[in-house]
């Protein structure tokens, strides 16, 4: 069997980053990994991006291969010998298609849900305007961002590098079991953010532990161009 479970393009990846107390994240922490800190803070990110050209085991998914994904994630690390593996844990991942959510939950025991989503992306010679929306409790939530069209590498030790340069995923199976998987993509280029608007019912989307984020200003809002991405089929049990 091929080592690649999923391949796709991830494009116009928005990360809205909130500093939260480590105690908020501890109940969601999988066995065998530790919280990852940036400048003595732990972060969650509200993420919006486009999933395109999706393939499973190199086979295209008819009619369901392009969609918006909205997720909430936080950052962890795992030491293996002299190597530090930096990764993410998802609180929840939202897509518009029930079959996609079912497959991800069934095969990988992820935390996918399916609700209505939509997007609008405008790109000119001067700027990008990217809007992601998702509907919950009959209300449309959104992430809207205005950026420069120029793209540049991430600076070393920057918040952009910390947020984007986590190449492993960790899934909490239960209190004693965790699965680790590898996500493959090049280091992304980023766009300078000029303005943004966030409207998210965190309580309805992610539960009471994150309800305070609805009224909290993000520490940063960043966007990457994205690239081709692959996710390994093989998982390591911790």
C-alpha atoms as a PDB file:
ATOM      1  CA  UNK A   1       0.000   0.000   0.000  1.00  0.00           C
ATOM      2  CA  UNK A   2       1.242   3.482  -0.787  1.00  0.00           C
ATOM      3  CA  UNK A   3       2.652   5.478   2.114  1.00  0.00           C
ATOM      4  CA  UNK A   4       0.541   8.514   1.166  1.00  0.00           C
ATOM      5  CA  UNK A   5      -2.992   8.486   2.528  1.00  0.00           C
ATOM      6  CA  UNK A   6      -4.021  11.976   1.449  1.00  0.00           C
ATOM      7  CA  UNK A   7      -2.622  14.487  -0.997  1.00  0.00           C
ATOM      8  CA  UNK A   8      -4.041  17.896  -1.831  1.00  0.00           C
ATOM      9  CA  UNK A   9      -3.297  21.567  -2.220  1.00  0.00           C
ATOM     10  CA  UNK A  10      -3.810  23.778   0.817  1.00  0.00           C
ATOM     11  CA  UNK A  11      -4.163  27.415  -0.240  1.00  0.00           C
ATOM     12  CA  UNK A  12      -4.715  30.833   1.364  1.00  0.00           C
ATOM     13  CA  UNK A  13      -4.198  29.523   4.878  1.00  0.00           C
ATOM     14  CA  UNK A  14      -5.352  31.983   7.547  1.00  0.00           C
ATOM     15  CA  UNK A  15      -4.272  31.502  11.164  1.00  0.00           C
ATOM     16  CA  UNK A  16      -5.952  33.582  13.878  1.00  0.00           C
ATOM     17  CA  UNK A  17      -3.806  33.024  16.958  1.00  0.00           C
ATOM     18  CA  UNK A  18      -4.924  33.395  20.579  1.00  0.00           C
ATOM     19  CA  UNK A  19      -2.772  33.034  23.679  1.00  0.00           C
ATOM     20  CA  UNK A  20      -4.548  30.809  26.199  1.00  0.00           C
ATOM     21  CA  UNK A  21      -3.611  29.531  29.643  1.00  0.00           C
ATOM     22  CA  UNK A  22      -1.983  26.086  29.507  1.00  0.00           C
ATOM     23  CA  UNK A  23      -4.638  24.757  31.894  1.00  0.00           C
ATOM     24  CA  UNK A  24      -7.249  25.255  29.149  1.00  0.00           C
ATOM     25  CA  UNK A  25      -5.357  22.896  26.834  1.00  0.00           C
ATOM     26  CA  UNK A  26      -4.225  20.244  29.321  1.00  0.00           C
ATOM     27  CA  UNK A  27      -7.491  18.188  29.131  1.00  0.00           C
ATOM     28  CA  UNK A  28      -7.037  17.918  25.348  1.00  0.00           C
ATOM     29  CA  UNK A  29      -3.350  16.975  25.496  1.00  0.00           C
ATOM     30  CA  UNK A  30      -2.670  13.508  24.065  1.00  0.00           C
ATOM     31  CA  UNK A  31      -0.595  10.992  25.974  1.00  0.00           C
ATOM     32  CA  UNK A  32       3.129  11.211  25.218  1.00  0.00           C
ATOM     33  CA  UNK A  33       3.377  14.842  24.067  1.00  0.00           C
ATOM     34  CA  UNK A  34       3.938  18.174  25.811  1.00  0.00           C
ATOM     35  CA  UNK A  35       2.590  21.635  25.154  1.00  0.00           C
ATOM     36  CA  UNK A  36       4.786  23.739  22.885  1.00  0.00           C
ATOM     37  CA  UNK A  37       5.410  27.337  23.978  1.00  0.00           C
ATOM     38  CA  UNK A  38       6.304  30.432  21.989  1.00  0.00           C
ATOM     39  CA  UNK A  39       7.816  33.211  24.098  1.00  0.00           C
ATOM     40  CA  UNK A  40       6.375  31.603  27.244  1.00  0.00           C
ATOM     41  CA  UNK A  41       2.825  31.411  25.831  1.00  0.00           C
ATOM     42  CA  UNK A  42       0.648  28.579  24.563  1.00  0.00           C
ATOM     43  CA  UNK A  43      -1.566  29.248  21.585  1.00  0.00           C
ATOM     44  CA  UNK A  44      -4.683  28.022  19.846  1.00  0.00           C
ATOM     45  CA  UNK A  45      -5.295  28.936  16.224  1.00  0.00           C
ATOM     46  CA  UNK A  46      -8.606  29.396  14.437  1.00  0.00           C
ATOM     47  CA  UNK A  47      -7.738  28.262  10.923  1.00  0.00           C
ATOM     48  CA  UNK A  48      -9.414  28.735   7.571  1.00  0.00           C
ATOM     49  CA  UNK A  49      -8.070  27.469   4.248  1.00  0.00           C
ATOM     50  CA  UNK A  50      -8.958  25.939   0.893  1.00  0.00           C
ATOM     51  CA  UNK A  51      -8.614  22.202   0.361  1.00  0.00           C
ATOM     52  CA  UNK A  52      -8.105  21.571  -3.386  1.00  0.00           C
ATOM     53  CA  UNK A  53      -7.307  18.650  -5.708  1.00  0.00           C
ATOM     54  CA  UNK A  54      -7.892  16.187  -2.891  1.00  0.00           C
ATOM     55  CA  UNK A  55      -6.822  12.603  -3.501  1.00  0.00           C
ATOM     56  CA  UNK A  56      -6.982   9.510  -1.294  1.00  0.00           C
ATOM     57  CA  UNK A  57      -4.237   6.985  -2.054  1.00  0.00           C
ATOM     58  CA  UNK A  58      -3.607   9.048  -5.246  1.00  0.00           C
ATOM     59  CA  UNK A  59      -7.237   8.590  -6.393  1.00  0.00           C
ATOM     60  CA  UNK A  60      -9.233  11.840  -7.000  1.00  0.00           C
ATOM     61  CA  UNK A  61     -12.438  12.324  -5.006  1.00  0.00           C
ATOM     62  CA  UNK A  62     -15.216  13.082  -7.539  1.00  0.00           C
ATOM     63  CA  UNK A  63     -17.249  16.241  -6.764  1.00  0.00           C
ATOM     64  CA  UNK A  64     -15.864  16.470  -3.192  1.00  0.00           C
ATOM     65  CA  UNK A  65     -12.225  17.330  -3.873  1.00  0.00           C
ATOM     66  CA  UNK A  66     -12.425  21.096  -3.290  1.00  0.00           C
ATOM     67  CA  UNK A  67     -13.818  22.624  -0.104  1.00  0.00           C
ATOM     68  CA  UNK A  68     -13.207  25.011   2.780  1.00  0.00           C
ATOM     69  CA  UNK A  69     -11.903  23.717   6.080  1.00  0.00           C
ATOM     70  CA  UNK A  70     -12.222  25.563   9.387  1.00  0.00           C
ATOM     71  CA  UNK A  71     -10.447  24.168  12.431  1.00  0.00           C
ATOM     72  CA  UNK A  72      -9.194  24.967  15.901  1.00  0.00           C
ATOM     73  CA  UNK A  73      -5.783  23.585  16.829  1.00  0.00           C
ATOM     74  CA  UNK A  74      -3.000  23.930  19.394  1.00  0.00           C
ATOM     75  CA  UNK A  75       0.710  23.191  19.454  1.00  0.00           C
ATOM     76  CA  UNK A  76       2.664  20.354  21.017  1.00  0.00           C
ATOM     77  CA  UNK A  77       6.069  18.706  20.880  1.00  0.00           C
ATOM     78  CA  UNK A  78       7.457  15.245  21.442  1.00  0.00           C
ATOM     79  CA  UNK A  79      11.068  14.351  22.157  1.00  0.00           C
ATOM     80  CA  UNK A  80      12.316  11.199  20.437  1.00  0.00           C
ATOM     81  CA  UNK A  81      15.956  10.617  21.302  1.00  0.00           C
ATOM     82  CA  UNK A  82      17.789  13.796  20.320  1.00  0.00           C
ATOM     83  CA  UNK A  83      15.000  14.853  17.949  1.00  0.00           C
ATOM     84  CA  UNK A  84      12.160  17.209  18.893  1.00  0.00           C
ATOM     85  CA  UNK A  85       9.029  16.616  16.829  1.00  0.00           C
ATOM     86  CA  UNK A  86       6.755  19.637  16.721  1.00  0.00           C
ATOM     87  CA  UNK A  87       3.120  19.010  15.937  1.00  0.00           C
ATOM     88  CA  UNK A  88      -0.503  20.049  16.322  1.00  0.00           C
ATOM     89  CA  UNK A  89      -3.613  18.694  18.027  1.00  0.00           C
ATOM     90  CA  UNK A  90      -7.034  19.485  16.600  1.00  0.00           C
ATOM     91  CA  UNK A  91      -9.924  20.412  18.861  1.00  0.00           C
ATOM     92  CA  UNK A  92     -12.270  20.167  15.890  1.00  0.00           C
ATOM     93  CA  UNK A  93     -12.133  20.268  12.093  1.00  0.00           C
ATOM     94  CA  UNK A  94     -15.108  21.466  10.050  1.00  0.00           C
ATOM     95  CA  UNK A  95     -15.817  20.700   6.385  1.00  0.00           C
ATOM     96  CA  UNK A  96     -18.999  21.033   4.290  1.00  0.00           C
ATOM     97  CA  UNK A  97     -19.269  17.391   3.183  1.00  0.00           C
ATOM     98  CA  UNK A  98     -20.521  14.633   5.475  1.00  0.00           C
ATOM     99  CA  UNK A  99     -18.733  11.839   3.556  1.00  0.00           C
ATOM    100  CA  UNK A 100     -15.382  13.626   4.006  1.00  0.00           C
ATOM    101  CA  UNK A 101     -15.986  14.080   7.736  1.00  0.00           C
ATOM    102  CA  UNK A 102     -17.131  10.467   8.131  1.00  0.00           C
ATOM    103  CA  UNK A 103     -14.090   9.087   6.306  1.00  0.00           C
ATOM    104  CA  UNK A 104     -11.598  11.132   8.329  1.00  0.00           C
ATOM    105  CA  UNK A 105     -13.240  10.141  11.609  1.00  0.00           C
ATOM    106  CA  UNK A 106     -13.495   6.483  10.597  1.00  0.00           C
ATOM    107  CA  UNK A 107      -9.980   5.997   9.265  1.00  0.00           C
ATOM    108  CA  UNK A 108      -8.036   8.329  11.527  1.00  0.00           C
ATOM    109  CA  UNK A 109     -10.295   8.849  14.543  1.00  0.00           C
ATOM    110  CA  UNK A 110     -10.170  12.600  14.010  1.00  0.00           C
ATOM    111  CA  UNK A 111     -12.704  15.163  15.250  1.00  0.00           C
ATOM    112  CA  UNK A 112     -14.427  16.243  12.040  1.00  0.00           C
ATOM    113  CA  UNK A 113     -17.910  17.704  11.746  1.00  0.00           C
ATOM    114  CA  UNK A 114     -19.838  18.764   8.633  1.00  0.00           C
ATOM    115  CA  UNK A 115     -21.688  22.098   8.485  1.00  0.00           C
ATOM    116  CA  UNK A 116     -22.368  24.580   5.654  1.00  0.00           C
ATOM    117  CA  UNK A 117     -19.315  26.592   4.550  1.00  0.00           C
ATOM    118  CA  UNK A 118     -18.506  29.026   1.765  1.00  0.00           C
ATOM    119  CA  UNK A 119     -15.732  31.327   0.643  1.00  0.00           C
ATOM    120  CA  UNK A 120     -14.911  34.338  -1.497  1.00  0.00           C
ATOM    121  CA  UNK A 121     -11.380  35.081  -2.659  1.00  0.00           C
ATOM    122  CA  UNK A 122     -10.447  38.194  -4.613  1.00  0.00           C
ATOM    123  CA  UNK A 123      -6.885  38.652  -5.872  1.00  0.00           C
ATOM    124  CA  UNK A 124      -5.715  41.782  -7.669  1.00  0.00           C
ATOM    125  CA  UNK A 125      -2.304  43.175  -8.554  1.00  0.00           C
ATOM    126  CA  UNK A 126      -2.340  45.104  -5.257  1.00  0.00           C
ATOM    127  CA  UNK A 127      -4.079  42.965  -2.623  1.00  0.00           C
ATOM    128  CA  UNK A 128      -5.796  39.760  -1.610  1.00  0.00           C
ATOM    129  CA  UNK A 129      -9.209  39.632   0.040  1.00  0.00           C
ATOM    130  CA  UNK A 130      -9.971  36.199   1.506  1.00  0.00           C
ATOM    131  CA  UNK A 131     -13.246  35.379   3.246  1.00  0.00           C
ATOM    132  CA  UNK A 132     -14.248  32.056   4.825  1.00  0.00           C
ATOM    133  CA  UNK A 133     -17.705  31.530   6.306  1.00  0.00           C
ATOM    134  CA  UNK A 134     -19.365  28.682   8.193  1.00  0.00           C
ATOM    135  CA  UNK A 135     -22.913  28.334   9.506  1.00  0.00           C
ATOM    136  CA  UNK A 136     -23.748  27.162  13.016  1.00  0.00           C
ATOM    137  CA  UNK A 137     -26.991  27.649  14.954  1.00  0.00           C
ATOM    138  CA  UNK A 138     -28.483  29.346  11.857  1.00  0.00           C
ATOM    139  CA  UNK A 139     -25.845  32.118  11.945  1.00  0.00           C
ATOM    140  CA  UNK A 140     -22.945  32.658   9.570  1.00  0.00           C
ATOM    141  CA  UNK A 141     -19.532  33.086  11.229  1.00  0.00           C
ATOM    142  CA  UNK A 142     -16.548  34.398   9.300  1.00  0.00           C
ATOM    143  CA  UNK A 143     -12.848  35.050   8.963  1.00  0.00           C
ATOM    144  CA  UNK A 144     -12.119  37.918   6.587  1.00  0.00           C
ATOM    145  CA  UNK A 145      -8.616  39.107   5.785  1.00  0.00           C
ATOM    146  CA  UNK A 146      -7.001  41.734   3.561  1.00  0.00           C
ATOM    147  CA  UNK A 147      -3.336  41.205   2.671  1.00  0.00           C
ATOM    148  CA  UNK A 148      -0.671  42.420   0.311  1.00  0.00           C
ATOM    149  CA  UNK A 149      -0.221  40.320  -2.807  1.00  0.00           C
ATOM    150  CA  UNK A 150       3.552  40.119  -2.331  1.00  0.00           C
ATOM    151  CA  UNK A 151       4.834  36.943  -0.683  1.00  0.00           C
ATOM    152  CA  UNK A 152       7.951  36.526   1.404  1.00  0.00           C
ATOM    153  CA  UNK A 153       9.703  33.863   3.476  1.00  0.00           C
ATOM    154  CA  UNK A 154       8.955  33.572   7.175  1.00  0.00           C
ATOM    155  CA  UNK A 155      11.521  35.160   9.456  1.00  0.00           C
ATOM    156  CA  UNK A 156      13.488  32.867  11.787  1.00  0.00           C
ATOM    157  CA  UNK A 157      12.020  32.638  15.321  1.00  0.00           C
ATOM    158  CA  UNK A 158       8.922  34.603  14.281  1.00  0.00           C
ATOM    159  CA  UNK A 159       5.359  33.827  15.308  1.00  0.00           C
ATOM    160  CA  UNK A 160       4.724  32.848  11.668  1.00  0.00           C
ATOM    161  CA  UNK A 161       7.495  30.254  11.823  1.00  0.00           C
ATOM    162  CA  UNK A 162       6.232  28.882  15.138  1.00  0.00           C
ATOM    163  CA  UNK A 163       2.625  28.584  13.954  1.00  0.00           C
ATOM    164  CA  UNK A 164       3.307  27.117  10.523  1.00  0.00           C
ATOM    165  CA  UNK A 165       6.390  24.957  11.104  1.00  0.00           C
ATOM    166  CA  UNK A 166       4.733  22.054  12.924  1.00  0.00           C
ATOM    167  CA  UNK A 167       4.915  18.980  10.709  1.00  0.00           C
ATOM    168  CA  UNK A 168       3.303  16.282  12.845  1.00  0.00           C
ATOM    169  CA  UNK A 169      -0.266  15.629  13.927  1.00  0.00           C
ATOM    170  CA  UNK A 170      -1.236  13.950  17.186  1.00  0.00           C
ATOM    171  CA  UNK A 171      -4.626  12.349  17.774  1.00  0.00           C
ATOM    172  CA  UNK A 172      -5.838  11.534  21.279  1.00  0.00           C
ATOM    173  CA  UNK A 173      -7.399   8.068  21.016  1.00  0.00           C
ATOM    174  CA  UNK A 174      -8.038   7.830  24.772  1.00  0.00           C
ATOM    175  CA  UNK A 175      -6.242   8.766  27.988  1.00  0.00           C
ATOM    176  CA  UNK A 176      -3.427   6.264  27.371  1.00  0.00           C
ATOM    177  CA  UNK A 177      -3.175   6.038  23.593  1.00  0.00           C
ATOM    178  CA  UNK A 178      -2.068   8.544  20.950  1.00  0.00           C
ATOM    179  CA  UNK A 179      -1.434   8.318  17.218  1.00  0.00           C
ATOM    180  CA  UNK A 180       1.281  10.335  15.475  1.00  0.00           C
ATOM    181  CA  UNK A 181       1.312  11.106  11.748  1.00  0.00           C
ATOM    182  CA  UNK A 182       3.520  13.140   9.424  1.00  0.00           C
ATOM    183  CA  UNK A 183       2.383  16.053   7.242  1.00  0.00           C
ATOM    184  CA  UNK A 184       4.681  16.910   4.330  1.00  0.00           C
ATOM    185  CA  UNK A 185       4.982  20.305   2.678  1.00  0.00           C
ATOM    186  CA  UNK A 186       7.675  22.926   1.993  1.00  0.00           C
ATOM    187  CA  UNK A 187       8.169  25.973   4.161  1.00  0.00           C
ATOM    188  CA  UNK A 188       5.417  28.368   3.130  1.00  0.00           C
ATOM    189  CA  UNK A 189       5.616  31.954   1.944  1.00  0.00           C
ATOM    190  CA  UNK A 190       3.494  34.503   3.802  1.00  0.00           C
ATOM    191  CA  UNK A 191       1.531  37.639   2.902  1.00  0.00           C
ATOM    192  CA  UNK A 192       1.576  40.821   4.975  1.00  0.00           C
ATOM    193  CA  UNK A 193      -1.791  41.281   6.692  1.00  0.00           C
ATOM    194  CA  UNK A 194      -3.314  44.756   6.335  1.00  0.00           C
ATOM    195  CA  UNK A 195      -6.711  44.256   7.978  1.00  0.00           C
ATOM    196  CA  UNK A 196      -8.982  41.506   9.252  1.00  0.00           C
ATOM    197  CA  UNK A 197     -12.402  40.751  10.741  1.00  0.00           C
ATOM    198  CA  UNK A 198     -13.290  37.746  12.925  1.00  0.00           C
ATOM    199  CA  UNK A 199     -16.772  36.647  13.968  1.00  0.00           C
ATOM    200  CA  UNK A 200     -16.782  33.209  15.594  1.00  0.00           C
ATOM    201  CA  UNK A 201     -19.171  31.697  18.143  1.00  0.00           C
ATOM    202  CA  UNK A 202     -16.436  29.747  19.923  1.00  0.00           C
ATOM    203  CA  UNK A 203     -18.827  28.307  22.483  1.00  0.00           C
ATOM    204  CA  UNK A 204     -21.102  26.777  19.842  1.00  0.00           C
ATOM    205  CA  UNK A 205     -18.191  25.605  17.708  1.00  0.00           C
ATOM    206  CA  UNK A 206     -15.704  24.377  20.279  1.00  0.00           C
ATOM    207  CA  UNK A 207     -17.350  24.301  23.713  1.00  0.00           C
ATOM    208  CA  UNK A 208     -17.270  26.331  26.910  1.00  0.00           C
ATOM    209  CA  UNK A 209     -13.502  25.952  27.389  1.00  0.00           C
ATOM    210  CA  UNK A 210     -12.990  28.303  24.447  1.00  0.00           C
ATOM    211  CA  UNK A 211     -16.039  30.555  24.798  1.00  0.00           C
ATOM    212  CA  UNK A 212     -13.927  33.464  26.110  1.00  0.00           C
ATOM    213  CA  UNK A 213     -12.180  33.726  22.742  1.00  0.00           C
ATOM    214  CA  UNK A 214     -15.321  35.240  21.209  1.00  0.00           C
ATOM    215  CA  UNK A 215     -14.534  38.486  23.024  1.00  0.00           C
ATOM    216  CA  UNK A 216     -10.725  38.186  23.058  1.00  0.00           C
ATOM    217  CA  UNK A 217      -8.560  39.977  20.528  1.00  0.00           C
ATOM    218  CA  UNK A 218      -6.156  37.656  18.722  1.00  0.00           C
ATOM    219  CA  UNK A 219      -2.449  38.038  19.416  1.00  0.00           C
ATOM    220  CA  UNK A 220      -1.760  37.766  15.697  1.00  0.00           C
ATOM    221  CA  UNK A 221      -3.429  37.065  12.360  1.00  0.00           C
ATOM    222  CA  UNK A 222      -1.223  35.608   9.628  1.00  0.00           C
ATOM    223  CA  UNK A 223      -1.664  34.093   6.179  1.00  0.00           C
ATOM    224  CA  UNK A 224       0.421  31.706   4.100  1.00  0.00           C
ATOM    225  CA  UNK A 225       0.194  31.061   0.375  1.00  0.00           C
ATOM    226  CA  UNK A 226       0.137  27.295   0.875  1.00  0.00           C
ATOM    227  CA  UNK A 227       1.331  24.466  -1.389  1.00  0.00           C
ATOM    228  CA  UNK A 228       0.897  20.839  -2.277  1.00  0.00           C
ATOM    229  CA  UNK A 229       0.581  18.741   0.902  1.00  0.00           C
ATOM    230  CA  UNK A 230       0.619  15.040   1.674  1.00  0.00           C
ATOM    231  CA  UNK A 231      -0.303  13.124   4.821  1.00  0.00           C
ATOM    232  CA  UNK A 232       1.363   9.778   5.500  1.00  0.00           C
ATOM    233  CA  UNK A 233      -0.808   6.689   5.859  1.00  0.00           C
ATOM    234  CA  UNK A 234       1.498   5.151   8.460  1.00  0.00           C
ATOM    235  CA  UNK A 235       0.778   6.183  12.034  1.00  0.00           C
ATOM    236  CA  UNK A 236       2.885   5.638  15.115  1.00  0.00           C
ATOM    237  CA  UNK A 237       1.092   4.583  18.298  1.00  0.00           C
ATOM    238  CA  UNK A 238       2.404   6.200  21.485  1.00  0.00           C
END
